[in-house]
Amino acid sequence: MALVTGSDCSLSIDAKEYATVVSSFQLASTTSSVTYPTLKSTLAGQGTETWKLTVVFAYDSGETSSLYDALWTNAGKSIDYIAKIGDMAYTGKAIAVRPGANAEAGAVSEVSVTMNLDGIPAKAAPTSSK
C-alpha cells in the first residue's frame, strides 16, 4: 500500500476552496494481483489499483463556508483536491461522501471522511504562491 500523509490539503467544491479547517489528510492506495494458470506454471499480473483520500477536519456545520455542509450536499459528486507534502503536490478528483459527526466535551470536534478517488493522483512540484 502506497501512503502519503500530511496536513496541507484543500478541497474544491462548487468553485469554493476549503483548506483552513483541514487538520490532516492521508492518500493511500491498494493494489490487487491476478494469477493466470498456464500449462507449466502460474503467471502473475497486476490487477487493480485503487486510491482513497482521508481528510480530517474541524466540524463546522452551520458556518457560512462549511466543508461539512458542502460534503453533505454534494455526496456522490466529483470534487477537486490538492494535497501537498514537502516538495510534492498530488491533485485529482475525489467522490464526495456524507461525513458523520462526533463530539467531545471541551474539545474541537473533528470529522474524518474517506473518499474514493477517480483515478490515480497526479504528482507534480507544487506551484509557488509568491
N, C-alpha and C. Protein backbone atom coordinates (compact mmCIF):
# COMPACT_ATOMS: atom_id res chain seq x y z
N MET A 1 0.84 -1.18 0.00
CA MET A 1 0.00 0.00 0.00
C MET A 1 0.89 1.23 0.00
N ALA A 2 0.68 2.10 -0.99
CA ALA A 2 1.38 3.38 -1.01
C ALA A 2 0.68 4.32 -0.07
N LEU A 3 1.44 5.18 0.60
CA LEU A 3 0.84 6.03 1.61
C LEU A 3 1.50 7.40 1.61
N VAL A 4 0.69 8.43 1.59
CA VAL A 4 1.17 9.81 1.72
C VAL A 4 0.33 10.46 2.79
N THR A 5 0.95 11.14 3.74
CA THR A 5 0.20 11.82 4.79
C THR A 5 0.67 13.25 4.93
N GLY A 6 -0.16 14.09 5.50
CA GLY A 6 0.21 15.49 5.69
C GLY A 6 -0.96 16.29 6.20
N SER A 7 -0.82 17.61 6.21
CA SER A 7 -1.92 18.45 6.68
C SER A 7 -2.24 19.58 5.72
N ASP A 8 -1.51 19.74 4.63
CA ASP A 8 -1.74 20.82 3.69
C ASP A 8 -2.61 20.30 2.54
N CYS A 9 -3.92 20.31 2.76
CA CYS A 9 -4.85 19.75 1.78
C CYS A 9 -6.03 20.70 1.62
N SER A 10 -6.42 20.91 0.37
CA SER A 10 -7.62 21.71 0.14
C SER A 10 -8.56 20.94 -0.78
N LEU A 11 -9.84 21.13 -0.55
CA LEU A 11 -10.88 20.53 -1.37
C LEU A 11 -11.62 21.66 -2.05
N SER A 12 -11.97 21.47 -3.31
CA SER A 12 -12.71 22.48 -4.05
C SER A 12 -14.07 21.89 -4.43
N ILE A 13 -15.13 22.52 -3.89
CA ILE A 13 -16.50 22.05 -4.12
C ILE A 13 -17.32 23.23 -4.61
N ASP A 14 -17.93 23.06 -5.78
CA ASP A 14 -18.73 24.14 -6.38
C ASP A 14 -17.96 25.46 -6.44
N ALA A 15 -16.72 25.40 -6.91
CA ALA A 15 -15.84 26.56 -7.09
C ALA A 15 -15.46 27.24 -5.78
N LYS A 16 -15.69 26.61 -4.64
CA LYS A 16 -15.32 27.15 -3.33
C LYS A 16 -14.22 26.27 -2.76
N GLU A 17 -13.13 26.91 -2.30
CA GLU A 17 -12.00 26.16 -1.76
C GLU A 17 -12.10 26.06 -0.24
N TYR A 18 -11.87 24.85 0.27
CA TYR A 18 -11.89 24.57 1.71
C TYR A 18 -10.51 24.04 2.10
N ALA A 19 -9.79 24.80 2.90
CA ALA A 19 -8.47 24.36 3.35
C ALA A 19 -8.23 24.67 4.82
N THR A 20 -8.81 25.74 5.32
CA THR A 20 -8.46 26.20 6.66
C THR A 20 -8.95 25.27 7.77
N VAL A 21 -9.99 24.48 7.54
CA VAL A 21 -10.49 23.60 8.58
C VAL A 21 -9.83 22.22 8.55
N VAL A 22 -9.07 21.91 7.49
CA VAL A 22 -8.43 20.60 7.35
C VAL A 22 -7.23 20.51 8.28
N SER A 23 -7.21 19.49 9.14
CA SER A 23 -6.08 19.31 10.05
C SER A 23 -5.11 18.24 9.56
N SER A 24 -5.58 17.27 8.78
CA SER A 24 -4.68 16.27 8.22
C SER A 24 -5.35 15.55 7.06
N PHE A 25 -4.52 14.90 6.25
CA PHE A 25 -5.04 14.08 5.17
C PHE A 25 -4.16 12.84 5.02
N GLN A 26 -4.69 11.87 4.32
CA GLN A 26 -3.93 10.66 4.00
C GLN A 26 -4.37 10.20 2.62
N LEU A 27 -3.41 10.03 1.73
CA LEU A 27 -3.64 9.42 0.42
C LEU A 27 -3.09 8.01 0.49
N ALA A 28 -3.90 7.04 0.16
CA ALA A 28 -3.44 5.65 0.25
C ALA A 28 -3.98 4.85 -0.93
N SER A 29 -3.21 3.87 -1.36
CA SER A 29 -3.66 3.01 -2.45
C SER A 29 -3.62 1.56 -2.03
N THR A 30 -4.43 0.78 -2.69
CA THR A 30 -4.37 -0.67 -2.54
C THR A 30 -4.28 -1.25 -3.94
N THR A 31 -3.54 -2.29 -4.07
CA THR A 31 -3.42 -2.97 -5.35
C THR A 31 -3.75 -4.44 -5.18
N SER A 32 -4.27 -4.99 -6.22
CA SER A 32 -4.53 -6.42 -6.20
C SER A 32 -3.77 -7.04 -7.36
N SER A 33 -3.49 -8.30 -7.23
CA SER A 33 -2.81 -9.00 -8.32
C SER A 33 -3.71 -10.13 -8.80
N VAL A 34 -3.49 -10.53 -10.01
CA VAL A 34 -4.24 -11.64 -10.58
C VAL A 34 -3.25 -12.70 -11.02
N THR A 35 -3.67 -13.93 -10.99
CA THR A 35 -2.81 -15.03 -11.45
C THR A 35 -3.52 -15.76 -12.58
N TYR A 36 -2.72 -16.23 -13.51
CA TYR A 36 -3.22 -16.95 -14.66
C TYR A 36 -2.54 -18.31 -14.72
N PRO A 37 -3.29 -19.39 -14.63
CA PRO A 37 -2.66 -20.71 -14.74
C PRO A 37 -2.27 -20.99 -16.20
N THR A 38 -1.09 -21.55 -16.37
CA THR A 38 -0.65 -21.97 -17.69
C THR A 38 -0.38 -23.47 -17.64
N LEU A 39 0.05 -24.03 -18.73
CA LEU A 39 0.32 -25.47 -18.75
C LEU A 39 1.46 -25.86 -17.82
N LYS A 40 2.46 -25.01 -17.66
CA LYS A 40 3.63 -25.35 -16.87
C LYS A 40 3.72 -24.64 -15.54
N SER A 41 3.09 -23.49 -15.40
CA SER A 41 3.21 -22.72 -14.16
C SER A 41 2.05 -21.74 -14.05
N THR A 42 2.21 -20.83 -13.13
CA THR A 42 1.22 -19.77 -12.95
C THR A 42 1.91 -18.43 -13.18
N LEU A 43 1.30 -17.60 -13.98
CA LEU A 43 1.83 -16.26 -14.23
C LEU A 43 1.06 -15.26 -13.37
N ALA A 44 1.79 -14.28 -12.87
CA ALA A 44 1.15 -13.23 -12.07
C ALA A 44 1.13 -11.94 -12.87
N GLY A 45 0.08 -11.18 -12.67
CA GLY A 45 -0.03 -9.89 -13.33
C GLY A 45 -0.65 -8.88 -12.38
N GLN A 46 -0.49 -7.62 -12.72
CA GLN A 46 -1.07 -6.58 -11.88
C GLN A 46 -2.57 -6.53 -12.11
N GLY A 47 -3.30 -6.44 -11.03
CA GLY A 47 -4.76 -6.32 -11.10
C GLY A 47 -5.14 -4.86 -11.04
N THR A 48 -5.99 -4.51 -10.10
CA THR A 48 -6.47 -3.14 -10.00
C THR A 48 -5.68 -2.35 -8.96
N GLU A 49 -5.66 -1.05 -9.15
CA GLU A 49 -5.05 -0.13 -8.19
C GLU A 49 -6.11 0.91 -7.85
N THR A 50 -6.47 1.01 -6.58
CA THR A 50 -7.47 1.99 -6.17
C THR A 50 -6.87 2.92 -5.13
N TRP A 51 -7.30 4.16 -5.17
CA TRP A 51 -6.80 5.19 -4.26
C TRP A 51 -7.93 5.76 -3.43
N LYS A 52 -7.62 6.17 -2.21
CA LYS A 52 -8.57 6.83 -1.31
C LYS A 52 -7.91 8.04 -0.67
N LEU A 53 -8.71 9.05 -0.42
CA LEU A 53 -8.26 10.25 0.29
C LEU A 53 -9.06 10.35 1.58
N THR A 54 -8.36 10.33 2.71
CA THR A 54 -8.99 10.53 4.00
C THR A 54 -8.62 11.91 4.50
N VAL A 55 -9.63 12.69 4.87
CA VAL A 55 -9.42 14.06 5.33
C VAL A 55 -10.03 14.19 6.72
N VAL A 56 -9.26 14.77 7.64
CA VAL A 56 -9.74 15.07 8.99
C VAL A 56 -9.86 16.58 9.08
N PHE A 57 -11.04 17.05 9.53
CA PHE A 57 -11.25 18.50 9.59
C PHE A 57 -12.16 18.85 10.76
N ALA A 58 -12.15 20.11 11.12
CA ALA A 58 -12.96 20.60 12.23
C ALA A 58 -14.43 20.60 11.82
N TYR A 59 -15.28 20.13 12.71
CA TYR A 59 -16.73 20.14 12.47
C TYR A 59 -17.17 21.59 12.39
N ASP A 60 -17.70 21.98 11.23
CA ASP A 60 -18.06 23.39 11.00
C ASP A 60 -19.46 23.56 10.44
N SER A 61 -20.34 22.60 10.66
CA SER A 61 -21.70 22.69 10.13
C SER A 61 -22.38 23.96 10.62
N GLY A 62 -23.08 24.62 9.70
CA GLY A 62 -23.79 25.85 10.04
C GLY A 62 -22.99 27.11 9.82
N GLU A 63 -21.68 26.99 9.62
CA GLU A 63 -20.85 28.17 9.34
C GLU A 63 -21.15 28.67 7.92
N THR A 64 -20.80 29.91 7.64
CA THR A 64 -21.03 30.49 6.33
C THR A 64 -20.38 29.68 5.22
N SER A 65 -19.15 29.27 5.43
CA SER A 65 -18.42 28.47 4.46
C SER A 65 -18.05 27.15 5.13
N SER A 66 -18.96 26.18 5.09
CA SER A 66 -18.81 24.94 5.83
C SER A 66 -18.42 23.77 4.93
N LEU A 67 -17.24 23.18 5.19
CA LEU A 67 -16.82 21.99 4.47
C LEU A 67 -17.77 20.83 4.77
N TYR A 68 -18.17 20.71 6.02
CA TYR A 68 -19.10 19.64 6.41
C TYR A 68 -20.39 19.72 5.58
N ASP A 69 -20.99 20.89 5.52
CA ASP A 69 -22.24 21.06 4.78
C ASP A 69 -22.03 20.87 3.28
N ALA A 70 -20.89 21.32 2.75
CA ALA A 70 -20.62 21.16 1.32
C ALA A 70 -20.47 19.68 0.95
N LEU A 71 -19.78 18.90 1.79
CA LEU A 71 -19.66 17.46 1.53
C LEU A 71 -21.02 16.79 1.63
N TRP A 72 -21.79 17.17 2.64
CA TRP A 72 -23.12 16.57 2.84
C TRP A 72 -24.01 16.79 1.61
N THR A 73 -24.02 18.03 1.13
CA THR A 73 -24.87 18.41 0.00
C THR A 73 -24.40 17.79 -1.31
N ASN A 74 -23.09 17.60 -1.47
CA ASN A 74 -22.53 17.14 -2.73
C ASN A 74 -22.12 15.66 -2.72
N ALA A 75 -22.62 14.89 -1.77
CA ALA A 75 -22.28 13.47 -1.70
C ALA A 75 -22.56 12.78 -3.04
N GLY A 76 -21.58 12.00 -3.49
CA GLY A 76 -21.71 11.29 -4.76
C GLY A 76 -21.20 12.05 -5.96
N LYS A 77 -20.88 13.32 -5.77
CA LYS A 77 -20.38 14.15 -6.87
C LYS A 77 -18.85 14.20 -6.85
N SER A 78 -18.28 14.49 -7.99
CA SER A 78 -16.83 14.60 -8.13
C SER A 78 -16.37 15.98 -7.65
N ILE A 79 -15.35 16.00 -6.80
CA ILE A 79 -14.78 17.26 -6.31
C ILE A 79 -13.27 17.25 -6.57
N ASP A 80 -12.67 18.42 -6.62
CA ASP A 80 -11.22 18.53 -6.83
C ASP A 80 -10.50 18.55 -5.49
N TYR A 81 -9.27 18.01 -5.48
CA TYR A 81 -8.44 18.11 -4.29
C TYR A 81 -7.01 18.43 -4.69
N ILE A 82 -6.31 19.09 -3.77
CA ILE A 82 -4.87 19.33 -3.88
C ILE A 82 -4.30 18.98 -2.52
N ALA A 83 -3.39 18.03 -2.49
CA ALA A 83 -2.76 17.60 -1.25
C ALA A 83 -1.25 17.79 -1.40
N LYS A 84 -0.67 18.61 -0.52
CA LYS A 84 0.75 18.92 -0.63
C LYS A 84 1.50 18.33 0.56
N ILE A 85 2.66 17.79 0.26
CA ILE A 85 3.56 17.33 1.31
C ILE A 85 4.99 17.52 0.83
N GLY A 86 5.75 18.22 1.61
CA GLY A 86 7.13 18.51 1.21
C GLY A 86 7.15 19.27 -0.11
N ASP A 87 7.95 18.79 -1.04
CA ASP A 87 8.11 19.44 -2.33
C ASP A 87 7.19 18.86 -3.41
N MET A 88 6.18 18.10 -3.01
CA MET A 88 5.29 17.48 -3.99
C MET A 88 3.84 17.87 -3.74
N ALA A 89 3.08 17.93 -4.83
CA ALA A 89 1.64 18.16 -4.76
C ALA A 89 0.94 17.02 -5.49
N TYR A 90 -0.14 16.55 -4.92
CA TYR A 90 -0.94 15.49 -5.52
C TYR A 90 -2.31 16.09 -5.81
N THR A 91 -2.78 15.93 -7.03
CA THR A 91 -4.05 16.52 -7.42
C THR A 91 -4.92 15.49 -8.12
N GLY A 92 -6.20 15.78 -8.14
CA GLY A 92 -7.11 14.89 -8.85
C GLY A 92 -8.54 15.14 -8.43
N LYS A 93 -9.35 14.12 -8.64
CA LYS A 93 -10.78 14.19 -8.33
C LYS A 93 -11.10 13.11 -7.30
N ALA A 94 -11.96 13.47 -6.34
CA ALA A 94 -12.45 12.53 -5.33
C ALA A 94 -13.98 12.54 -5.40
N ILE A 95 -14.57 11.45 -4.94
CA ILE A 95 -16.03 11.37 -4.90
C ILE A 95 -16.47 11.74 -3.48
N ALA A 96 -17.20 12.84 -3.35
CA ALA A 96 -17.62 13.35 -2.04
C ALA A 96 -18.53 12.33 -1.34
N VAL A 97 -18.41 12.26 -0.02
CA VAL A 97 -19.26 11.40 0.81
C VAL A 97 -19.84 12.25 1.95
N ARG A 98 -20.96 11.80 2.48
CA ARG A 98 -21.55 12.48 3.63
C ARG A 98 -20.73 12.14 4.87
N PRO A 99 -20.28 13.16 5.57
CA PRO A 99 -19.50 12.90 6.79
C PRO A 99 -20.41 12.52 7.96
N GLY A 100 -19.84 11.77 8.89
CA GLY A 100 -20.53 11.50 10.15
C GLY A 100 -20.26 12.66 11.09
N ALA A 101 -20.68 12.53 12.32
CA ALA A 101 -20.44 13.59 13.31
C ALA A 101 -20.16 12.95 14.66
N ASN A 102 -19.26 13.55 15.40
CA ASN A 102 -18.99 13.12 16.77
C ASN A 102 -18.62 14.36 17.58
N ALA A 103 -18.73 14.26 18.86
CA ALA A 103 -18.43 15.41 19.71
C ALA A 103 -17.77 14.93 21.00
N GLU A 104 -16.89 15.77 21.52
CA GLU A 104 -16.23 15.51 22.80
C GLU A 104 -16.29 16.80 23.60
N ALA A 105 -16.77 16.71 24.81
CA ALA A 105 -16.91 17.90 25.66
C ALA A 105 -15.57 18.58 25.85
N GLY A 106 -15.56 19.91 25.71
CA GLY A 106 -14.35 20.68 25.95
C GLY A 106 -13.31 20.61 24.85
N ALA A 107 -13.65 20.05 23.69
CA ALA A 107 -12.67 19.92 22.61
C ALA A 107 -13.32 20.32 21.29
N VAL A 108 -12.48 20.71 20.33
CA VAL A 108 -12.98 20.98 18.99
C VAL A 108 -13.34 19.65 18.36
N SER A 109 -14.56 19.52 17.89
CA SER A 109 -15.00 18.27 17.27
C SER A 109 -14.36 18.14 15.90
N GLU A 110 -13.83 16.95 15.62
CA GLU A 110 -13.23 16.68 14.32
C GLU A 110 -14.05 15.62 13.59
N VAL A 111 -14.02 15.71 12.29
CA VAL A 111 -14.73 14.78 11.42
C VAL A 111 -13.70 14.15 10.49
N SER A 112 -13.86 12.88 10.21
CA SER A 112 -12.99 12.18 9.28
C SER A 112 -13.84 11.59 8.16
N VAL A 113 -13.46 11.85 6.92
CA VAL A 113 -14.14 11.25 5.78
C VAL A 113 -13.11 10.56 4.89
N THR A 114 -13.49 9.43 4.33
CA THR A 114 -12.65 8.72 3.38
C THR A 114 -13.39 8.66 2.06
N MET A 115 -12.75 9.22 1.04
CA MET A 115 -13.36 9.32 -0.28
C MET A 115 -12.57 8.52 -1.30
N ASN A 116 -13.28 7.81 -2.17
CA ASN A 116 -12.63 7.12 -3.28
C ASN A 116 -12.17 8.17 -4.28
N LEU A 117 -11.03 7.92 -4.90
CA LEU A 117 -10.52 8.82 -5.93
C LEU A 117 -10.93 8.33 -7.30
N ASP A 118 -11.11 9.27 -8.19
CA ASP A 118 -11.42 8.96 -9.58
C ASP A 118 -10.09 8.90 -10.32
N GLY A 119 -9.43 7.76 -10.29
CA GLY A 119 -8.14 7.59 -10.94
C GLY A 119 -6.98 7.71 -9.96
N ILE A 120 -5.80 7.75 -10.51
CA ILE A 120 -4.56 7.84 -9.74
C ILE A 120 -4.20 9.31 -9.59
N PRO A 121 -3.76 9.74 -8.40
CA PRO A 121 -3.39 11.15 -8.22
C PRO A 121 -2.27 11.58 -9.18
N ALA A 122 -2.38 12.78 -9.69
CA ALA A 122 -1.30 13.36 -10.49
C ALA A 122 -0.28 13.93 -9.50
N LYS A 123 0.99 13.72 -9.77
CA LYS A 123 2.05 14.15 -8.86
C LYS A 123 2.93 15.16 -9.57
N ALA A 124 3.12 16.32 -8.93
CA ALA A 124 3.95 17.38 -9.52
C ALA A 124 4.49 18.26 -8.42
N ALA A 125 5.52 19.02 -8.78
CA ALA A 125 6.04 20.00 -7.82
C ALA A 125 4.99 21.08 -7.63
N PRO A 126 4.69 21.47 -6.39
CA PRO A 126 3.66 22.49 -6.17
C PRO A 126 4.09 23.83 -6.72
N THR A 127 3.13 24.63 -7.14
CA THR A 127 3.44 25.97 -7.64
C THR A 127 3.62 26.90 -6.47
N SER A 128 4.46 27.86 -6.63
CA SER A 128 4.72 28.83 -5.56
C SER A 128 3.63 29.88 -5.55
N SER A 129 3.24 30.31 -4.36
CA SER A 129 2.22 31.35 -4.26
C SER A 129 2.84 32.73 -4.08
N LYS A 130 4.13 32.86 -4.34
CA LYS A 130 4.83 34.14 -4.19
C LYS A 130 4.58 35.04 -5.36
